[in-house]
Amino acid sequence: MGFIIGFIFGLIVAGILAKLYGVKMMIKELKSPYNFDKTVDEITKRAKELGWNVPAIHDFGGKIKEAGMDVGKVKVIEICKPEYGAQMLKNDDEKLVSAFLPCGMGVYEKRDGSVYVAKRNVELFALMFGKNVGKALKEAAKEENKITAFLE
């Protein structure tokens, strides 16, 4: 009986913690020492120096402003490294992770003028996947941390 009560209590506590801290565990928010444009340029430059492709930079803030609303400066930088993508997608049963590709980093300016970068906690996602995907994500996380080292 005591085990069951303890187990149920543990589930409740785990659920509350997941609700409170889940997003902060999955997404890292890092403050930039630079202004908005310099932060975007620095991430792009560092990614390319490490052999990553930068297929697109989406100006969400600009597109939303064109639609008559204003959310401030917000861009999402897509980065990918074909070697990691190939490793994650080579088996049919793992191709579903294509929904997470390419990696994206959000750069945004808050109302007080401070600039932040949001990125997935790739290390955490690596733990969720086994086989090729987990291995590729662990390696990608190391390089992604080098790209954003100026933020930490």
N, C-alpha and C. Protein backbone atom coordinates (compact mmCIF):
# COMPACT_ATOMS: atom_id res chain seq x y z
N MET A 1 0.83 -1.20 0.00
CA MET A 1 0.00 0.00 0.00
C MET A 1 0.87 1.26 0.00
N GLY A 2 1.92 1.26 0.85
CA GLY A 2 2.81 2.42 0.92
C GLY A 2 3.52 2.68 -0.39
N PHE A 3 3.89 1.58 -1.10
CA PHE A 3 4.55 1.72 -2.40
C PHE A 3 3.62 2.40 -3.39
N ILE A 4 2.37 1.98 -3.41
CA ILE A 4 1.40 2.54 -4.36
C ILE A 4 1.18 4.02 -4.09
N ILE A 5 1.04 4.41 -2.83
CA ILE A 5 0.86 5.82 -2.49
C ILE A 5 2.10 6.62 -2.88
N GLY A 6 3.28 6.06 -2.59
CA GLY A 6 4.52 6.73 -2.96
C GLY A 6 4.67 6.87 -4.46
N PHE A 7 4.29 5.82 -5.20
CA PHE A 7 4.36 5.84 -6.65
C PHE A 7 3.42 6.91 -7.22
N ILE A 8 2.20 6.94 -6.73
CA ILE A 8 1.22 7.94 -7.19
C ILE A 8 1.70 9.35 -6.86
N PHE A 9 2.22 9.54 -5.64
CA PHE A 9 2.74 10.84 -5.25
C PHE A 9 3.89 11.25 -6.18
N GLY A 10 4.76 10.29 -6.49
CA GLY A 10 5.87 10.56 -7.40
C GLY A 10 5.40 10.98 -8.77
N LEU A 11 4.37 10.33 -9.28
CA LEU A 11 3.80 10.70 -10.58
C LEU A 11 3.23 12.11 -10.55
N ILE A 12 2.55 12.44 -9.48
CA ILE A 12 1.97 13.78 -9.36
C ILE A 12 3.07 14.83 -9.33
N VAL A 13 4.10 14.62 -8.53
CA VAL A 13 5.22 15.56 -8.45
C VAL A 13 5.92 15.68 -9.81
N ALA A 14 6.16 14.55 -10.46
CA ALA A 14 6.80 14.57 -11.78
C ALA A 14 5.95 15.35 -12.78
N GLY A 15 4.63 15.17 -12.74
CA GLY A 15 3.74 15.90 -13.64
C GLY A 15 3.79 17.39 -13.40
N ILE A 16 3.80 17.78 -12.13
CA ILE A 16 3.86 19.21 -11.79
C ILE A 16 5.19 19.80 -12.26
N LEU A 17 6.29 19.11 -12.02
CA LEU A 17 7.60 19.60 -12.46
C LEU A 17 7.69 19.71 -13.97
N ALA A 18 7.14 18.71 -14.67
CA ALA A 18 7.15 18.75 -16.13
C ALA A 18 6.36 19.95 -16.64
N LYS A 19 5.24 20.23 -16.02
CA LYS A 19 4.40 21.37 -16.41
C LYS A 19 5.13 22.69 -16.16
N LEU A 20 5.78 22.79 -15.00
CA LEU A 20 6.45 24.04 -14.63
C LEU A 20 7.75 24.27 -15.40
N TYR A 21 8.52 23.21 -15.62
CA TYR A 21 9.85 23.37 -16.18
C TYR A 21 10.04 22.72 -17.54
N GLY A 22 9.02 22.08 -18.08
CA GLY A 22 9.15 21.35 -19.33
C GLY A 22 9.69 22.17 -20.48
N VAL A 23 9.09 23.31 -20.75
CA VAL A 23 9.52 24.15 -21.86
C VAL A 23 10.94 24.64 -21.63
N LYS A 24 11.26 25.04 -20.40
CA LYS A 24 12.60 25.54 -20.12
C LYS A 24 13.65 24.43 -20.21
N MET A 25 13.22 23.19 -20.08
CA MET A 25 14.14 22.08 -20.25
C MET A 25 14.37 21.79 -21.73
N MET A 26 13.34 21.97 -22.56
CA MET A 26 13.44 21.64 -23.97
C MET A 26 14.04 22.77 -24.80
N ILE A 27 13.89 24.01 -24.34
CA ILE A 27 14.38 25.16 -25.09
C ILE A 27 15.27 25.99 -24.18
N LYS A 28 16.47 26.30 -24.68
CA LYS A 28 17.40 27.13 -23.94
C LYS A 28 17.29 28.57 -24.44
N GLU A 29 17.26 29.51 -23.53
CA GLU A 29 17.26 30.92 -23.89
C GLU A 29 18.56 31.52 -23.38
N LEU A 30 19.34 32.08 -24.31
CA LEU A 30 20.65 32.63 -23.98
C LEU A 30 20.72 34.10 -24.37
N LYS A 31 21.22 34.92 -23.47
CA LYS A 31 21.32 36.36 -23.75
C LYS A 31 22.55 36.64 -24.59
N SER A 32 22.38 37.51 -25.56
CA SER A 32 23.49 37.89 -26.43
C SER A 32 24.16 39.16 -25.94
N PRO A 33 25.48 39.24 -26.06
CA PRO A 33 26.18 40.48 -25.72
C PRO A 33 26.11 41.50 -26.87
N TYR A 34 25.57 41.08 -28.01
CA TYR A 34 25.54 41.92 -29.20
C TYR A 34 24.14 42.42 -29.50
N ASN A 35 24.06 43.35 -30.45
CA ASN A 35 22.75 43.80 -30.91
C ASN A 35 22.14 42.72 -31.81
N PHE A 36 20.93 42.95 -32.25
CA PHE A 36 20.18 41.95 -33.00
C PHE A 36 20.92 41.50 -34.26
N ASP A 37 21.27 42.44 -35.14
CA ASP A 37 21.89 42.08 -36.41
C ASP A 37 23.24 41.41 -36.22
N LYS A 38 24.03 41.90 -35.29
CA LYS A 38 25.35 41.30 -35.02
C LYS A 38 25.18 39.87 -34.49
N THR A 39 24.16 39.61 -33.69
CA THR A 39 23.91 38.27 -33.18
C THR A 39 23.58 37.32 -34.32
N VAL A 40 22.70 37.74 -35.22
CA VAL A 40 22.34 36.91 -36.38
C VAL A 40 23.59 36.63 -37.21
N ASP A 41 24.38 37.67 -37.48
CA ASP A 41 25.61 37.51 -38.27
C ASP A 41 26.61 36.59 -37.59
N GLU A 42 26.75 36.71 -36.28
CA GLU A 42 27.73 35.91 -35.53
C GLU A 42 27.35 34.42 -35.56
N ILE A 43 26.09 34.12 -35.37
CA ILE A 43 25.65 32.72 -35.42
C ILE A 43 25.88 32.15 -36.82
N THR A 44 25.51 32.91 -37.83
CA THR A 44 25.68 32.47 -39.21
C THR A 44 27.15 32.22 -39.53
N LYS A 45 28.00 33.14 -39.14
CA LYS A 45 29.44 33.03 -39.39
C LYS A 45 30.02 31.80 -38.69
N ARG A 46 29.70 31.64 -37.42
CA ARG A 46 30.25 30.52 -36.64
C ARG A 46 29.76 29.18 -37.18
N ALA A 47 28.50 29.12 -37.58
CA ALA A 47 27.96 27.88 -38.15
C ALA A 47 28.73 27.50 -39.41
N LYS A 48 28.92 28.46 -40.30
CA LYS A 48 29.63 28.19 -41.55
C LYS A 48 31.07 27.79 -41.30
N GLU A 49 31.71 28.42 -40.31
CA GLU A 49 33.10 28.08 -39.98
C GLU A 49 33.23 26.63 -39.52
N LEU A 50 32.18 26.08 -38.93
CA LEU A 50 32.20 24.70 -38.47
C LEU A 50 31.64 23.72 -39.52
N GLY A 51 31.41 24.22 -40.73
CA GLY A 51 30.96 23.35 -41.82
C GLY A 51 29.47 23.12 -41.90
N TRP A 52 28.69 23.94 -41.19
CA TRP A 52 27.23 23.82 -41.25
C TRP A 52 26.71 24.66 -42.40
N ASN A 53 25.62 24.22 -43.00
CA ASN A 53 24.92 25.00 -44.01
C ASN A 53 23.92 25.91 -43.31
N VAL A 54 23.66 27.05 -43.91
CA VAL A 54 22.62 27.97 -43.43
C VAL A 54 21.65 28.15 -44.59
N PRO A 55 20.68 27.21 -44.72
CA PRO A 55 19.79 27.27 -45.88
C PRO A 55 18.82 28.44 -45.89
N ALA A 56 18.50 28.98 -44.72
CA ALA A 56 17.53 30.09 -44.70
C ALA A 56 17.61 30.85 -43.38
N ILE A 57 17.27 32.12 -43.48
CA ILE A 57 17.05 32.96 -42.31
C ILE A 57 15.67 33.58 -42.51
N HIS A 58 14.76 33.19 -41.65
CA HIS A 58 13.37 33.65 -41.76
C HIS A 58 13.16 34.88 -40.89
N ASP A 59 12.68 35.95 -41.51
CA ASP A 59 12.40 37.19 -40.80
C ASP A 59 10.93 37.20 -40.37
N PHE A 60 10.64 36.49 -39.29
CA PHE A 60 9.25 36.41 -38.81
C PHE A 60 8.73 37.77 -38.36
N GLY A 61 9.57 38.53 -37.69
CA GLY A 61 9.15 39.86 -37.25
C GLY A 61 8.75 40.73 -38.41
N GLY A 62 9.54 40.69 -39.49
CA GLY A 62 9.25 41.49 -40.68
C GLY A 62 7.99 41.04 -41.39
N LYS A 63 7.81 39.72 -41.52
CA LYS A 63 6.62 39.19 -42.20
C LYS A 63 5.34 39.50 -41.40
N ILE A 64 5.44 39.42 -40.10
CA ILE A 64 4.27 39.73 -39.27
C ILE A 64 3.94 41.21 -39.36
N LYS A 65 4.99 42.04 -39.42
CA LYS A 65 4.78 43.48 -39.55
C LYS A 65 4.10 43.81 -40.88
N GLU A 66 4.50 43.10 -41.94
CA GLU A 66 3.86 43.29 -43.25
C GLU A 66 2.37 42.97 -43.19
N ALA A 67 1.99 42.08 -42.28
CA ALA A 67 0.58 41.69 -42.13
C ALA A 67 -0.16 42.65 -41.19
N GLY A 68 0.51 43.72 -40.74
CA GLY A 68 -0.16 44.73 -39.94
C GLY A 68 -0.04 44.57 -38.43
N MET A 69 0.82 43.65 -37.98
CA MET A 69 1.02 43.46 -36.53
C MET A 69 2.51 43.63 -36.23
N ASP A 70 2.83 43.89 -34.99
CA ASP A 70 4.23 44.12 -34.64
C ASP A 70 4.62 43.27 -33.44
N VAL A 71 5.59 42.38 -33.66
CA VAL A 71 6.14 41.57 -32.56
C VAL A 71 7.60 41.92 -32.30
N GLY A 72 8.09 42.94 -32.99
CA GLY A 72 9.49 43.32 -32.84
C GLY A 72 10.38 42.49 -33.75
N LYS A 73 11.67 42.54 -33.47
CA LYS A 73 12.65 41.84 -34.30
C LYS A 73 12.70 40.36 -33.88
N VAL A 74 12.39 39.49 -34.84
CA VAL A 74 12.45 38.05 -34.61
C VAL A 74 12.89 37.38 -35.91
N LYS A 75 14.00 36.65 -35.84
CA LYS A 75 14.45 35.86 -36.98
C LYS A 75 14.75 34.45 -36.52
N VAL A 76 14.52 33.50 -37.42
CA VAL A 76 14.89 32.11 -37.16
C VAL A 76 15.94 31.71 -38.19
N ILE A 77 17.07 31.27 -37.68
CA ILE A 77 18.18 30.85 -38.52
C ILE A 77 18.14 29.33 -38.63
N GLU A 78 18.01 28.83 -39.85
CA GLU A 78 18.07 27.38 -40.08
C GLU A 78 19.52 26.99 -40.29
N ILE A 79 19.97 25.98 -39.57
CA ILE A 79 21.31 25.45 -39.79
C ILE A 79 21.21 23.93 -39.94
N CYS A 80 22.06 23.37 -40.76
CA CYS A 80 22.09 21.92 -40.89
C CYS A 80 23.49 21.48 -41.31
N LYS A 81 23.82 20.27 -40.94
CA LYS A 81 25.07 19.66 -41.36
C LYS A 81 24.70 18.33 -41.99
N PRO A 82 24.92 18.19 -43.29
CA PRO A 82 24.47 17.00 -44.01
C PRO A 82 24.91 15.68 -43.38
N GLU A 83 26.10 15.64 -42.79
CA GLU A 83 26.57 14.39 -42.19
C GLU A 83 25.64 13.93 -41.07
N TYR A 84 25.19 14.86 -40.25
CA TYR A 84 24.28 14.50 -39.15
C TYR A 84 22.90 14.14 -39.69
N GLY A 85 22.43 14.91 -40.65
CA GLY A 85 21.14 14.61 -41.25
C GLY A 85 21.12 13.22 -41.88
N ALA A 86 22.18 12.88 -42.60
CA ALA A 86 22.26 11.56 -43.23
C ALA A 86 22.27 10.46 -42.18
N GLN A 87 23.00 10.68 -41.11
CA GLN A 87 23.06 9.67 -40.04
C GLN A 87 21.68 9.46 -39.41
N MET A 88 20.93 10.55 -39.22
CA MET A 88 19.63 10.45 -38.58
C MET A 88 18.56 9.87 -39.50
N LEU A 89 18.72 10.04 -40.81
CA LEU A 89 17.67 9.66 -41.75
C LEU A 89 17.94 8.39 -42.53
N LYS A 90 19.05 7.71 -42.25
CA LYS A 90 19.41 6.56 -43.08
C LYS A 90 18.51 5.34 -42.87
N ASN A 91 17.88 5.21 -41.72
CA ASN A 91 16.98 4.08 -41.48
C ASN A 91 15.53 4.53 -41.58
N ASP A 92 14.73 3.75 -42.27
CA ASP A 92 13.33 4.11 -42.48
C ASP A 92 12.57 4.34 -41.18
N ASP A 93 12.86 3.53 -40.17
CA ASP A 93 12.11 3.68 -38.91
C ASP A 93 12.51 4.91 -38.11
N GLU A 94 13.54 5.62 -38.56
CA GLU A 94 13.96 6.85 -37.87
C GLU A 94 13.69 8.11 -38.69
N LYS A 95 13.17 7.97 -39.87
CA LYS A 95 12.93 9.13 -40.75
C LYS A 95 11.90 10.11 -40.18
N LEU A 96 11.12 9.67 -39.22
CA LEU A 96 10.14 10.57 -38.64
C LEU A 96 10.78 11.78 -37.96
N VAL A 97 12.06 11.68 -37.61
CA VAL A 97 12.73 12.83 -37.00
C VAL A 97 12.95 13.96 -38.00
N SER A 98 12.64 13.70 -39.26
CA SER A 98 12.77 14.76 -40.27
C SER A 98 11.92 15.97 -39.90
N ALA A 99 10.90 15.77 -39.07
CA ALA A 99 10.07 16.88 -38.61
C ALA A 99 10.87 17.87 -37.77
N PHE A 100 12.00 17.44 -37.22
CA PHE A 100 12.84 18.31 -36.40
C PHE A 100 13.96 18.99 -37.20
N LEU A 101 14.05 18.67 -38.48
CA LEU A 101 15.16 19.18 -39.29
C LEU A 101 14.71 20.32 -40.16
N PRO A 102 15.54 21.26 -40.51
CA PRO A 102 16.88 21.44 -39.95
C PRO A 102 16.80 22.04 -38.55
N CYS A 103 17.95 22.14 -37.93
CA CYS A 103 17.99 22.79 -36.63
C CYS A 103 17.68 24.27 -36.82
N GLY A 104 17.00 24.85 -35.88
CA GLY A 104 16.68 26.26 -35.96
C GLY A 104 17.03 26.97 -34.68
N MET A 105 17.48 28.19 -34.81
CA MET A 105 17.75 29.04 -33.65
C MET A 105 16.98 30.34 -33.83
N GLY A 106 16.23 30.71 -32.82
CA GLY A 106 15.49 31.96 -32.87
C GLY A 106 16.32 33.08 -32.26
N VAL A 107 16.37 34.20 -32.94
CA VAL A 107 17.02 35.40 -32.42
C VAL A 107 15.94 36.45 -32.31
N TYR A 108 15.84 37.06 -31.13
CA TYR A 108 14.78 38.05 -30.95
C TYR A 108 15.23 39.14 -29.98
N GLU A 109 14.60 40.29 -30.17
CA GLU A 109 14.86 41.44 -29.31
C GLU A 109 13.63 41.66 -28.44
N LYS A 110 13.86 41.73 -27.14
CA LYS A 110 12.76 41.99 -26.22
C LYS A 110 12.48 43.48 -26.14
N ARG A 111 11.39 43.85 -25.52
CA ARG A 111 10.98 45.26 -25.46
C ARG A 111 12.01 46.16 -24.81
N ASP A 112 12.82 45.61 -23.91
CA ASP A 112 13.84 46.42 -23.25
C ASP A 112 15.10 46.58 -24.10
N GLY A 113 15.10 46.01 -25.31
CA GLY A 113 16.23 46.14 -26.22
C GLY A 113 17.25 45.02 -26.11
N SER A 114 17.11 44.15 -25.12
CA SER A 114 18.06 43.04 -24.98
C SER A 114 17.76 41.97 -26.04
N VAL A 115 18.83 41.30 -26.47
CA VAL A 115 18.73 40.32 -27.54
C VAL A 115 18.99 38.93 -26.97
N TYR A 116 18.18 37.98 -27.41
CA TYR A 116 18.29 36.60 -26.93
C TYR A 116 18.30 35.63 -28.10
N VAL A 117 18.85 34.46 -27.83
CA VAL A 117 18.82 33.36 -28.78
C VAL A 117 18.13 32.19 -28.09
N ALA A 118 17.16 31.62 -28.77
CA ALA A 118 16.48 30.42 -28.27
C ALA A 118 16.88 29.27 -29.17
N LYS A 119 17.21 28.15 -28.54
CA LYS A 119 17.57 26.96 -29.30
C LYS A 119 17.09 25.72 -28.57
N ARG A 120 16.88 24.67 -29.32
CA ARG A 120 16.47 23.41 -28.71
C ARG A 120 17.57 22.88 -27.81
N ASN A 121 17.18 22.20 -26.77
CA ASN A 121 18.13 21.52 -25.90
C ASN A 121 18.45 20.18 -26.59
N VAL A 122 19.38 20.23 -27.51
CA VAL A 122 19.68 19.06 -28.34
C VAL A 122 20.19 17.90 -27.49
N GLU A 123 20.91 18.21 -26.42
CA GLU A 123 21.39 17.15 -25.54
C GLU A 123 20.21 16.36 -24.95
N LEU A 124 19.17 17.05 -24.56
CA LEU A 124 17.99 16.40 -24.00
C LEU A 124 17.29 15.54 -25.05
N PHE A 125 17.15 16.08 -26.26
CA PHE A 125 16.52 15.32 -27.33
C PHE A 125 17.35 14.08 -27.68
N ALA A 126 18.67 14.19 -27.58
CA ALA A 126 19.55 13.04 -27.86
C ALA A 126 19.24 11.88 -26.91
N LEU A 127 18.89 12.20 -25.68
CA LEU A 127 18.57 11.15 -24.70
C LEU A 127 17.26 10.44 -25.04
N MET A 128 16.37 11.14 -25.72
CA MET A 128 15.07 10.58 -26.05
C MET A 128 15.13 9.59 -27.21
N PHE A 129 16.15 9.75 -28.06
CA PHE A 129 16.25 8.90 -29.24
C PHE A 129 17.44 7.96 -29.09
N GLY A 130 17.29 6.78 -29.58
CA GLY A 130 18.38 5.82 -29.55
C GLY A 130 19.03 5.73 -30.91
N LYS A 131 19.81 4.72 -31.09
CA LYS A 131 20.44 4.38 -32.36
C LYS A 131 21.15 5.57 -32.99
N ASN A 132 20.96 5.69 -34.27
CA ASN A 132 21.67 6.70 -35.06
C ASN A 132 21.28 8.13 -34.70
N VAL A 133 20.01 8.33 -34.42
CA VAL A 133 19.51 9.68 -34.15
C VAL A 133 20.16 10.24 -32.88
N GLY A 134 20.15 9.46 -31.80
CA GLY A 134 20.74 9.91 -30.55
C GLY A 134 22.21 10.22 -30.69
N LYS A 135 22.92 9.35 -31.40
CA LYS A 135 24.36 9.55 -31.61
C LYS A 135 24.63 10.83 -32.42
N ALA A 136 23.87 11.01 -33.49
CA ALA A 136 24.04 12.20 -34.32
C ALA A 136 23.70 13.47 -33.54
N LEU A 137 22.63 13.41 -32.73
CA LEU A 137 22.25 14.59 -31.95
C LEU A 137 23.30 14.94 -30.91
N LYS A 138 23.92 13.94 -30.29
CA LYS A 138 24.98 14.21 -29.32
C LYS A 138 26.14 14.95 -29.98
N GLU A 139 26.52 14.50 -31.16
CA GLU A 139 27.61 15.16 -31.89
C GLU A 139 27.20 16.56 -32.35
N ALA A 140 25.99 16.67 -32.85
CA ALA A 140 25.49 17.97 -33.31
C ALA A 140 25.42 18.96 -32.14
N ALA A 141 25.03 18.48 -30.97
CA ALA A 141 24.93 19.34 -29.79
C ALA A 141 26.28 19.95 -29.44
N LYS A 142 27.34 19.15 -29.54
CA LYS A 142 28.69 19.67 -29.23
C LYS A 142 29.05 20.82 -30.15
N GLU A 143 28.76 20.65 -31.44
CA GLU A 143 29.08 21.71 -32.40
C GLU A 143 28.16 22.90 -32.25
N GLU A 144 26.89 22.63 -31.99
CA GLU A 144 25.94 23.73 -31.80
C GLU A 144 26.36 24.59 -30.61
N ASN A 145 26.87 23.95 -29.57
CA ASN A 145 27.35 24.70 -28.40
C ASN A 145 28.56 25.56 -28.74
N LYS A 146 29.37 25.11 -29.70
CA LYS A 146 30.50 25.94 -30.16
C LYS A 146 29.98 27.16 -30.93
N ILE A 147 28.92 26.94 -31.70
CA ILE A 147 28.34 28.05 -32.47
C ILE A 147 27.82 29.13 -31.52
N THR A 148 27.22 28.72 -30.42
CA THR A 148 26.61 29.68 -29.51
C THR A 148 27.49 29.98 -28.27
N ALA A 149 28.75 29.59 -28.31
CA ALA A 149 29.64 29.79 -27.15
C ALA A 149 29.76 31.26 -26.75
N PHE A 150 29.61 32.18 -27.69
CA PHE A 150 29.72 33.60 -27.36
C PHE A 150 28.56 34.09 -26.50
N LEU A 151 27.51 33.28 -26.42
CA LEU A 151 26.33 33.64 -25.64
C LEU A 151 26.42 33.21 -24.19
N GLU A 152 27.27 32.27 -23.90
CA GLU A 152 27.29 31.68 -22.57
C GLU A 152 28.29 32.34 -21.66
